Amino acid sequence: MKKVFALALLVVGLTTFAQEKGERKAIRENLSTEQKVDFQVKKMTKDLNLNEKQVKEVRVLVAKEVEKREAKRAEMKEIKAAKKTEMKAQMETEQAAVSSEMKKILTPDQFAKWEKIREERREKMKEKMAERREKRQPQELPESK
């Protein structure tokens, strides 16, 4: 019984820790470039006890790194968007091919009914996807401590 209780406490603790970490990450992603640089420099100054000269040099280096990281992130978003567009076009082509094959096989009434069912499924899928996106949207996050 003690083991079960200890395991339950461990699971709850890990889950809470993971959620807090995700919230902090979401907050950091919403910071401007300058705020990210300031955050990193302040943390390094505190952790490493940097002097003024070191702070200035570290700030320059950190700023370069943050800019590189943000440029890479933007590049990856563009690649992802292009790939998504390409996949969507390919899927539409495949669906058109299936539709033309079905038109050859089914009677006009059957084909119309099949298309209606297909459209209803699409609408249900869109609704489910909208619900998922809504759940994933971060709520207003509390100020970090």
C-alpha atoms as a PDB file:
ATOM      1  CA  MET A   1       0.000   0.000   0.000  1.00  0.00           C
ATOM      2  CA  LYS A   2       2.867   2.365   0.816  1.00  0.00           C
ATOM      3  CA  LYS A   3       4.408   1.697  -2.580  1.00  0.00           C
ATOM      4  CA  VAL A   4       1.165   2.553  -4.372  1.00  0.00           C
ATOM      5  CA  PHE A   5       0.854   5.777  -2.385  1.00  0.00           C
ATOM      6  CA  ALA A   6       4.483   6.711  -3.066  1.00  0.00           C
ATOM      7  CA  LEU A   7       4.049   5.985  -6.757  1.00  0.00           C
ATOM      8  CA  ALA A   8       0.890   8.121  -6.898  1.00  0.00           C
ATOM      9  CA  LEU A   9       2.733  11.012  -5.237  1.00  0.00           C
ATOM     10  CA  LEU A  10       5.602  10.650  -7.700  1.00  0.00           C
ATOM     11  CA  VAL A  11       3.257  10.712 -10.704  1.00  0.00           C
ATOM     12  CA  VAL A  12       1.392  13.780  -9.420  1.00  0.00           C
ATOM     13  CA  GLY A  13       4.655  15.574  -8.674  1.00  0.00           C
ATOM     14  CA  LEU A  14       6.132  14.856 -12.100  1.00  0.00           C
ATOM     15  CA  THR A  15       2.948  15.912 -13.860  1.00  0.00           C
ATOM     16  CA  THR A  16       2.853  19.205 -11.967  1.00  0.00           C
ATOM     17  CA  PHE A  17       6.525  19.867 -12.680  1.00  0.00           C
ATOM     18  CA  ALA A  18       6.057  19.171 -16.409  1.00  0.00           C
ATOM     19  CA  GLN A  19       3.084  21.560 -16.608  1.00  0.00           C
ATOM     20  CA  GLU A  20       5.010  24.355 -14.879  1.00  0.00           C
ATOM     21  CA  LYS A  21       7.952  23.872 -17.215  1.00  0.00           C
ATOM     22  CA  GLY A  22       5.610  24.096 -20.230  1.00  0.00           C
ATOM     23  CA  GLU A  23       4.105  27.325 -18.899  1.00  0.00           C
ATOM     24  CA  ARG A  24       7.545  28.874 -18.415  1.00  0.00           C
ATOM     25  CA  LYS A  25       8.521  27.877 -21.936  1.00  0.00           C
ATOM     26  CA  ALA A  26       5.364  29.482 -23.347  1.00  0.00           C
ATOM     27  CA  ILE A  27       6.163  32.687 -21.465  1.00  0.00           C
ATOM     28  CA  ARG A  28       9.755  32.720 -22.785  1.00  0.00           C
ATOM     29  CA  GLU A  29       8.548  32.234 -26.362  1.00  0.00           C
ATOM     30  CA  ASN A  30       6.419  35.383 -26.096  1.00  0.00           C
ATOM     31  CA  LEU A  31       9.365  37.563 -25.082  1.00  0.00           C
ATOM     32  CA  SER A  32      10.977  39.980 -27.532  1.00  0.00           C
ATOM     33  CA  THR A  33      14.555  39.399 -28.689  1.00  0.00           C
ATOM     34  CA  GLU A  34      15.880  42.067 -26.330  1.00  0.00           C
ATOM     35  CA  GLN A  35      13.952  40.599 -23.396  1.00  0.00           C
ATOM     36  CA  LYS A  36      15.387  37.141 -24.134  1.00  0.00           C
ATOM     37  CA  VAL A  37      18.906  38.572 -24.233  1.00  0.00           C
ATOM     38  CA  ASP A  38      18.349  40.470 -20.969  1.00  0.00           C
ATOM     39  CA  PHE A  39      16.957  37.360 -19.309  1.00  0.00           C
ATOM     40  CA  GLN A  40      19.941  35.219 -20.310  1.00  0.00           C
ATOM     41  CA  VAL A  41      22.507  37.876 -19.397  1.00  0.00           C
ATOM     42  CA  LYS A  42      20.930  38.489 -15.985  1.00  0.00           C
ATOM     43  CA  LYS A  43      20.879  34.769 -15.282  1.00  0.00           C
ATOM     44  CA  MET A  44      24.518  34.355 -16.327  1.00  0.00           C
ATOM     45  CA  THR A  45      25.557  37.436 -14.332  1.00  0.00           C
ATOM     46  CA  LYS A  46      23.911  36.004 -11.232  1.00  0.00           C
ATOM     47  CA  ASP A  47      25.167  32.435 -11.727  1.00  0.00           C
ATOM     48  CA  LEU A  48      28.731  33.324 -12.786  1.00  0.00           C
ATOM     49  CA  ASN A  49      29.215  36.578 -10.884  1.00  0.00           C
ATOM     50  CA  LEU A  50      30.276  38.483 -14.012  1.00  0.00           C
ATOM     51  CA  ASN A  51      31.896  41.925 -13.892  1.00  0.00           C
ATOM     52  CA  GLU A  52      30.720  44.870 -16.067  1.00  0.00           C
ATOM     53  CA  LYS A  53      33.189  44.185 -18.876  1.00  0.00           C
ATOM     54  CA  GLN A  54      32.170  40.534 -19.021  1.00  0.00           C
ATOM     55  CA  VAL A  55      28.486  41.480 -18.980  1.00  0.00           C
ATOM     56  CA  LYS A  56      28.939  43.702 -22.062  1.00  0.00           C
ATOM     57  CA  GLU A  57      30.864  41.005 -23.948  1.00  0.00           C
ATOM     58  CA  VAL A  58      28.416  38.272 -22.962  1.00  0.00           C
ATOM     59  CA  ARG A  59      25.474  40.481 -24.002  1.00  0.00           C
ATOM     60  CA  VAL A  60      26.921  40.851 -27.527  1.00  0.00           C
ATOM     61  CA  LEU A  61      27.508  37.107 -27.840  1.00  0.00           C
ATOM     62  CA  VAL A  62      24.105  36.169 -26.431  1.00  0.00           C
ATOM     63  CA  ALA A  63      22.380  38.672 -28.739  1.00  0.00           C
ATOM     64  CA  LYS A  64      24.046  37.059 -31.775  1.00  0.00           C
ATOM     65  CA  GLU A  65      23.013  33.604 -30.615  1.00  0.00           C
ATOM     66  CA  VAL A  66      19.417  34.620 -29.926  1.00  0.00           C
ATOM     67  CA  GLU A  67      19.154  36.231 -33.375  1.00  0.00           C
ATOM     68  CA  LYS A  68      20.601  33.105 -35.031  1.00  0.00           C
ATOM     69  CA  ARG A  69      18.169  30.907 -33.122  1.00  0.00           C
ATOM     70  CA  GLU A  70      15.185  33.053 -34.075  1.00  0.00           C
ATOM     71  CA  ALA A  71      16.269  33.140 -37.735  1.00  0.00           C
ATOM     72  CA  LYS A  72      16.583  29.348 -37.720  1.00  0.00           C
ATOM     73  CA  ARG A  73      13.147  29.033 -36.101  1.00  0.00           C
ATOM     74  CA  ALA A  74      11.625  31.301 -38.775  1.00  0.00           C
ATOM     75  CA  GLU A  75      13.349  29.281 -41.514  1.00  0.00           C
ATOM     76  CA  MET A  76      11.972  26.047 -40.084  1.00  0.00           C
ATOM     77  CA  LYS A  77       8.463  27.550 -39.972  1.00  0.00           C
ATOM     78  CA  GLU A  78       8.739  28.468 -43.652  1.00  0.00           C
ATOM     79  CA  ILE A  79       9.925  24.981 -44.569  1.00  0.00           C
ATOM     80  CA  LYS A  80       7.107  23.443 -42.539  1.00  0.00           C
ATOM     81  CA  ALA A  81       4.523  25.706 -44.209  1.00  0.00           C
ATOM     82  CA  ALA A  82       5.850  24.887 -47.693  1.00  0.00           C
ATOM     83  CA  LYS A  83       5.809  21.174 -46.944  1.00  0.00           C
ATOM     84  CA  LYS A  84       2.282  21.446 -45.574  1.00  0.00           C
ATOM     85  CA  THR A  85       1.109  23.219 -48.749  1.00  0.00           C
ATOM     86  CA  GLU A  86       2.784  20.581 -50.904  1.00  0.00           C
ATOM     87  CA  MET A  87       1.204  17.732 -48.958  1.00  0.00           C
ATOM     88  CA  LYS A  88      -2.220  19.381 -49.131  1.00  0.00           C
ATOM     89  CA  ALA A  89      -1.962  19.699 -52.921  1.00  0.00           C
ATOM     90  CA  GLN A  90      -0.899  16.061 -53.211  1.00  0.00           C
ATOM     91  CA  MET A  91      -3.797  14.947 -51.024  1.00  0.00           C
ATOM     92  CA  GLU A  92      -6.294  16.941 -53.104  1.00  0.00           C
ATOM     93  CA  THR A  93      -4.930  15.343 -56.290  1.00  0.00           C
ATOM     94  CA  GLU A  94      -5.297  11.879 -54.774  1.00  0.00           C
ATOM     95  CA  GLN A  95      -8.825  12.646 -53.590  1.00  0.00           C
ATOM     96  CA  ALA A  96      -9.781  13.860 -57.081  1.00  0.00           C
ATOM     97  CA  ALA A  97      -8.450  10.604 -58.548  1.00  0.00           C
ATOM     98  CA  VAL A  98     -10.467   8.534 -56.065  1.00  0.00           C
ATOM     99  CA  SER A  99     -13.535  10.631 -56.791  1.00  0.00           C
ATOM    100  CA  SER A 100     -13.242  10.107 -60.551  1.00  0.00           C
ATOM    101  CA  GLU A 101     -12.800   6.351 -60.051  1.00  0.00           C
ATOM    102  CA  MET A 102     -15.844   6.222 -57.777  1.00  0.00           C
ATOM    103  CA  LYS A 103     -17.846   8.153 -60.363  1.00  0.00           C
ATOM    104  CA  LYS A 104     -17.079   5.396 -62.889  1.00  0.00           C
ATOM    105  CA  ILE A 105     -18.152   2.669 -60.462  1.00  0.00           C
ATOM    106  CA  LEU A 106     -21.248   4.143 -58.780  1.00  0.00           C
ATOM    107  CA  THR A 107     -24.561   5.215 -60.220  1.00  0.00           C
ATOM    108  CA  PRO A 108     -25.249   8.973 -60.195  1.00  0.00           C
ATOM    109  CA  ASP A 109     -27.524   8.632 -57.125  1.00  0.00           C
ATOM    110  CA  GLN A 110     -24.962   6.507 -55.273  1.00  0.00           C
ATOM    111  CA  PHE A 111     -22.175   8.916 -56.186  1.00  0.00           C
ATOM    112  CA  ALA A 112     -24.170  11.915 -54.920  1.00  0.00           C
ATOM    113  CA  LYS A 113     -24.900  10.084 -51.654  1.00  0.00           C
ATOM    114  CA  TRP A 114     -21.234   9.055 -51.326  1.00  0.00           C
ATOM    115  CA  GLU A 115     -20.086  12.659 -51.815  1.00  0.00           C
ATOM    116  CA  LYS A 116     -22.613  13.892 -49.257  1.00  0.00           C
ATOM    117  CA  ILE A 117     -21.345  11.375 -46.680  1.00  0.00           C
ATOM    118  CA  ARG A 118     -17.769  12.315 -47.515  1.00  0.00           C
ATOM    119  CA  GLU A 119     -18.495  16.023 -47.015  1.00  0.00           C
ATOM    120  CA  GLU A 120     -20.186  15.338 -43.670  1.00  0.00           C
ATOM    121  CA  ARG A 121     -17.085  13.458 -42.524  1.00  0.00           C
ATOM    122  CA  ARG A 122     -14.904  16.391 -43.560  1.00  0.00           C
ATOM    123  CA  GLU A 123     -17.042  18.787 -41.538  1.00  0.00           C
ATOM    124  CA  LYS A 124     -16.873  16.542 -38.458  1.00  0.00           C
ATOM    125  CA  MET A 125     -13.093  16.314 -38.842  1.00  0.00           C
ATOM    126  CA  LYS A 126     -12.805  20.110 -39.100  1.00  0.00           C
ATOM    127  CA  GLU A 127     -14.851  20.493 -35.920  1.00  0.00           C
ATOM    128  CA  LYS A 128     -12.663  17.999 -34.056  1.00  0.00           C
ATOM    129  CA  MET A 129      -9.497  19.728 -35.250  1.00  0.00           C
ATOM    130  CA  ALA A 130     -10.853  23.109 -34.153  1.00  0.00           C
ATOM    131  CA  GLU A 131     -11.595  21.673 -30.708  1.00  0.00           C
ATOM    132  CA  ARG A 132      -8.067  20.266 -30.452  1.00  0.00           C
ATOM    133  CA  ARG A 133      -6.526  23.605 -31.455  1.00  0.00           C
ATOM    134  CA  GLU A 134      -8.692  25.352 -28.899  1.00  0.00           C
ATOM    135  CA  LYS A 135      -7.498  23.006 -26.165  1.00  0.00           C
ATOM    136  CA  ARG A 136      -3.844  23.496 -27.167  1.00  0.00           C
ATOM    137  CA  GLN A 137      -4.017  27.308 -27.082  1.00  0.00           C
ATOM    138  CA  PRO A 138      -2.266  28.441 -23.924  1.00  0.00           C
ATOM    139  CA  GLN A 139      -4.540  30.236 -21.532  1.00  0.00           C
ATOM    140  CA  GLU A 140      -3.345  33.490 -20.011  1.00  0.00           C
ATOM    141  CA  LEU A 141      -0.333  32.425 -18.055  1.00  0.00           C
ATOM    142  CA  PRO A 142       0.407  33.770 -14.593  1.00  0.00           C
ATOM    143  CA  GLU A 143       3.437  35.983 -14.085  1.00  0.00           C
ATOM    144  CA  SER A 144       6.613  33.960 -13.553  1.00  0.00           C
ATOM    145  CA  LYS A 145       7.990  34.005 -10.036  1.00  0.00           C
END
